N, C-alpha and C. Protein backbone atom coordinates (compact mmCIF):
# COMPACT_ATOMS: atom_id res chain seq x y z
N MET A 1 102.92 86.73 86.41
CA MET A 1 102.54 85.92 87.55
C MET A 1 103.28 84.59 87.44
N GLN A 2 103.78 84.12 88.54
CA GLN A 2 104.55 82.88 88.59
C GLN A 2 103.65 81.66 88.42
N LYS A 3 104.09 80.70 87.59
CA LYS A 3 103.35 79.46 87.40
C LYS A 3 104.18 78.33 88.01
N ILE A 4 103.58 77.58 88.93
CA ILE A 4 104.25 76.52 89.69
C ILE A 4 103.57 75.20 89.38
N ASN A 5 104.38 74.14 89.16
CA ASN A 5 103.73 72.84 88.97
C ASN A 5 103.31 72.30 90.34
N ILE A 6 102.37 71.41 90.33
CA ILE A 6 101.75 70.95 91.57
C ILE A 6 102.75 70.25 92.50
N HIS A 7 103.70 69.52 91.94
CA HIS A 7 104.71 68.85 92.78
C HIS A 7 105.58 69.88 93.50
N GLU A 8 106.02 70.91 92.76
CA GLU A 8 106.83 71.97 93.37
C GLU A 8 106.01 72.71 94.44
N ALA A 9 104.72 72.92 94.17
CA ALA A 9 103.87 73.62 95.14
C ALA A 9 103.76 72.83 96.44
N LYS A 10 103.62 71.51 96.32
CA LYS A 10 103.55 70.68 97.54
C LYS A 10 104.87 70.74 98.31
N THR A 11 105.97 70.73 97.59
CA THR A 11 107.28 70.74 98.22
C THR A 11 107.57 72.06 98.92
N ASN A 12 107.13 73.17 98.33
CA ASN A 12 107.47 74.51 98.83
C ASN A 12 106.25 75.30 99.29
N LEU A 13 105.23 74.60 99.75
CA LEU A 13 103.97 75.27 100.08
C LEU A 13 104.13 76.40 101.09
N SER A 14 104.88 76.19 102.14
CA SER A 14 105.03 77.21 103.17
C SER A 14 105.64 78.49 102.60
N ARG A 15 106.70 78.36 101.82
CA ARG A 15 107.35 79.51 101.21
C ARG A 15 106.41 80.21 100.23
N LEU A 16 105.69 79.43 99.43
CA LEU A 16 104.77 80.00 98.46
C LEU A 16 103.62 80.74 99.13
N VAL A 17 103.10 80.21 100.22
CA VAL A 17 102.02 80.88 100.95
C VAL A 17 102.53 82.20 101.52
N ASP A 18 103.75 82.21 102.04
CA ASP A 18 104.32 83.47 102.55
C ASP A 18 104.43 84.50 101.44
N GLN A 19 104.86 84.07 100.26
CA GLN A 19 104.96 84.99 99.12
C GLN A 19 103.59 85.54 98.74
N ALA A 20 102.60 84.66 98.71
CA ALA A 20 101.24 85.10 98.35
C ALA A 20 100.72 86.09 99.39
N ALA A 21 101.02 85.85 100.65
CA ALA A 21 100.57 86.76 101.70
C ALA A 21 101.20 88.14 101.55
N GLN A 22 102.37 88.20 100.92
CA GLN A 22 103.05 89.48 100.68
C GLN A 22 102.58 90.14 99.38
N GLY A 23 101.60 89.53 98.72
CA GLY A 23 101.04 90.13 97.51
C GLY A 23 101.55 89.53 96.21
N GLU A 24 102.40 88.51 96.28
CA GLU A 24 102.94 87.87 95.08
C GLU A 24 102.10 86.64 94.73
N SER A 25 101.03 86.84 94.00
CA SER A 25 100.14 85.74 93.62
C SER A 25 100.87 84.77 92.70
N PHE A 26 100.37 83.53 92.66
CA PHE A 26 100.94 82.53 91.75
C PHE A 26 99.85 81.56 91.32
N VAL A 27 100.14 80.83 90.25
CA VAL A 27 99.21 79.87 89.70
C VAL A 27 99.80 78.47 89.87
N ILE A 28 98.98 77.53 90.31
CA ILE A 28 99.40 76.13 90.41
C ILE A 28 98.87 75.41 89.17
N ALA A 29 99.79 74.72 88.48
CA ALA A 29 99.44 74.02 87.24
C ALA A 29 99.64 72.52 87.42
N LYS A 30 98.84 71.76 86.70
CA LYS A 30 98.95 70.30 86.68
C LYS A 30 99.16 69.89 85.23
N SER A 31 100.28 69.24 84.96
CA SER A 31 100.64 68.85 83.58
C SER A 31 100.66 70.07 82.66
N GLY A 32 101.13 71.22 83.20
CA GLY A 32 101.24 72.44 82.41
C GLY A 32 99.95 73.21 82.26
N LYS A 33 98.84 72.66 82.75
CA LYS A 33 97.54 73.33 82.63
C LYS A 33 97.24 74.09 83.93
N PRO A 34 97.04 75.41 83.87
CA PRO A 34 96.73 76.18 85.07
C PRO A 34 95.46 75.66 85.74
N MET A 35 95.54 75.44 87.06
CA MET A 35 94.40 74.88 87.79
C MET A 35 93.81 75.89 88.78
N VAL A 36 94.68 76.52 89.59
CA VAL A 36 94.19 77.46 90.61
C VAL A 36 95.14 78.65 90.73
N LYS A 37 94.57 79.76 91.18
CA LYS A 37 95.35 80.96 91.46
C LYS A 37 95.39 81.13 92.98
N VAL A 38 96.56 81.36 93.53
CA VAL A 38 96.71 81.58 94.97
C VAL A 38 97.12 83.03 95.17
N SER A 39 96.34 83.75 95.98
CA SER A 39 96.65 85.15 96.27
C SER A 39 96.24 85.48 97.69
N SER A 40 96.77 86.56 98.20
CA SER A 40 96.46 87.02 99.55
C SER A 40 94.98 87.39 99.65
N LEU A 41 94.37 87.15 100.78
CA LEU A 41 92.97 87.52 100.97
C LEU A 41 92.79 89.03 100.89
N SER A 42 93.82 89.79 101.24
CA SER A 42 93.70 91.25 101.21
C SER A 42 94.06 91.84 99.86
N THR A 43 94.50 91.01 98.90
CA THR A 43 94.84 91.49 97.58
C THR A 43 93.57 91.67 96.76
N PRO A 44 93.34 92.88 96.21
CA PRO A 44 92.14 93.06 95.39
C PRO A 44 92.21 92.22 94.11
N GLU A 45 91.08 91.73 93.67
CA GLU A 45 91.02 90.98 92.41
C GLU A 45 91.36 91.93 91.27
N SER A 46 91.90 91.39 90.19
CA SER A 46 92.21 92.24 89.05
C SER A 46 90.91 92.84 88.52
N GLY A 47 90.95 94.13 88.25
CA GLY A 47 89.76 94.83 87.77
C GLY A 47 88.85 95.31 88.89
N GLN A 48 89.11 94.89 90.11
CA GLN A 48 88.28 95.32 91.24
C GLN A 48 88.63 96.76 91.59
N VAL A 49 87.62 97.58 91.73
CA VAL A 49 87.82 98.97 92.06
C VAL A 49 87.67 99.14 93.56
N LYS A 50 88.60 99.90 94.15
CA LYS A 50 88.47 100.19 95.57
C LYS A 50 87.24 101.06 95.77
N ARG A 51 86.50 100.78 96.81
CA ARG A 51 85.24 101.46 97.04
C ARG A 51 85.45 102.75 97.82
N LEU A 52 84.67 103.75 97.45
CA LEU A 52 84.65 105.00 98.20
C LEU A 52 84.03 104.73 99.56
N GLY A 53 84.46 105.47 100.54
CA GLY A 53 83.86 105.35 101.86
C GLY A 53 84.54 104.32 102.74
N PHE A 54 85.69 103.81 102.33
CA PHE A 54 86.34 102.78 103.14
C PHE A 54 86.84 103.32 104.48
N MET A 55 86.93 104.65 104.63
CA MET A 55 87.39 105.25 105.89
C MET A 55 86.22 105.83 106.70
N LYS A 56 84.99 105.49 106.32
CA LYS A 56 83.82 106.03 107.00
C LYS A 56 83.90 105.75 108.50
N GLY A 57 83.69 106.80 109.28
CA GLY A 57 83.70 106.66 110.72
C GLY A 57 85.08 106.79 111.35
N GLU A 58 86.14 106.88 110.52
CA GLU A 58 87.50 106.97 111.04
C GLU A 58 87.87 108.39 111.45
N PHE A 59 87.25 109.39 110.84
CA PHE A 59 87.53 110.78 111.18
C PHE A 59 86.32 111.62 110.81
N THR A 60 86.31 112.86 111.28
CA THR A 60 85.22 113.78 110.95
C THR A 60 85.78 115.02 110.28
N VAL A 61 85.00 115.62 109.41
CA VAL A 61 85.38 116.85 108.72
C VAL A 61 84.64 117.99 109.40
N PRO A 62 85.37 119.04 109.82
CA PRO A 62 84.72 120.16 110.49
C PRO A 62 83.69 120.83 109.58
N ALA A 63 82.63 121.38 110.18
CA ALA A 63 81.57 122.03 109.43
C ALA A 63 82.09 123.23 108.64
N ASP A 64 83.11 123.93 109.17
CA ASP A 64 83.65 125.11 108.50
C ASP A 64 84.86 124.78 107.62
N PHE A 65 84.96 123.55 107.15
CA PHE A 65 86.11 123.09 106.37
C PHE A 65 86.40 123.99 105.17
N ASP A 66 85.35 124.40 104.45
CA ASP A 66 85.53 125.21 103.24
C ASP A 66 86.06 126.61 103.52
N SER A 67 85.89 127.10 104.74
CA SER A 67 86.33 128.46 105.03
C SER A 67 87.41 128.50 106.11
N MET A 68 87.93 127.37 106.51
CA MET A 68 88.96 127.33 107.56
C MET A 68 90.20 128.11 107.11
N ASP A 69 90.68 128.98 107.96
CA ASP A 69 91.91 129.76 107.72
C ASP A 69 91.88 130.55 106.42
N ALA A 70 90.70 130.98 105.99
CA ALA A 70 90.58 131.72 104.73
C ALA A 70 91.43 132.99 104.75
N ASP A 71 91.47 133.69 105.88
CA ASP A 71 92.25 134.93 105.97
C ASP A 71 93.75 134.63 105.85
N ALA A 72 94.22 133.61 106.53
CA ALA A 72 95.64 133.26 106.47
C ALA A 72 96.04 132.83 105.06
N ILE A 73 95.18 132.10 104.40
CA ILE A 73 95.47 131.66 103.03
C ILE A 73 95.50 132.86 102.10
N ALA A 74 94.55 133.77 102.27
CA ALA A 74 94.51 134.98 101.43
C ALA A 74 95.79 135.79 101.61
N GLN A 75 96.29 135.89 102.83
CA GLN A 75 97.53 136.63 103.07
C GLN A 75 98.73 135.97 102.39
N LEU A 76 98.75 134.66 102.36
CA LEU A 76 99.83 133.95 101.69
C LEU A 76 99.88 134.27 100.20
N PHE A 77 98.73 134.58 99.62
CA PHE A 77 98.67 134.90 98.21
C PHE A 77 98.67 136.41 97.95
N GLY A 78 99.01 137.19 98.97
CA GLY A 78 99.17 138.63 98.81
C GLY A 78 97.90 139.45 98.85
N ALA A 79 96.83 138.91 99.39
CA ALA A 79 95.58 139.67 99.48
C ALA A 79 95.72 140.77 100.52
N LYS A 80 95.10 141.90 100.24
CA LYS A 80 95.15 143.02 101.19
C LYS A 80 93.95 142.95 102.11
N GLN A 81 94.15 143.37 103.35
CA GLN A 81 93.04 143.34 104.30
C GLN A 81 92.55 144.72 104.59
């Protein structure tokens, strides 16, 4: 992760914010001491696990999903009818 001193951050803030928005987080330091981390709002925190169900309501699974095209699949694997 890139470490930027506070003076450089003030000088190049617009460019640095654009980089952070693209997922390139950086740390702003004062006198060499890290002070803050800047990252995109959509970037997951380190160690954060993506949650199951994030696509809930986006699509539906047919009730016969487990048996859909069972005959066609069996034929592909050489099953006799």
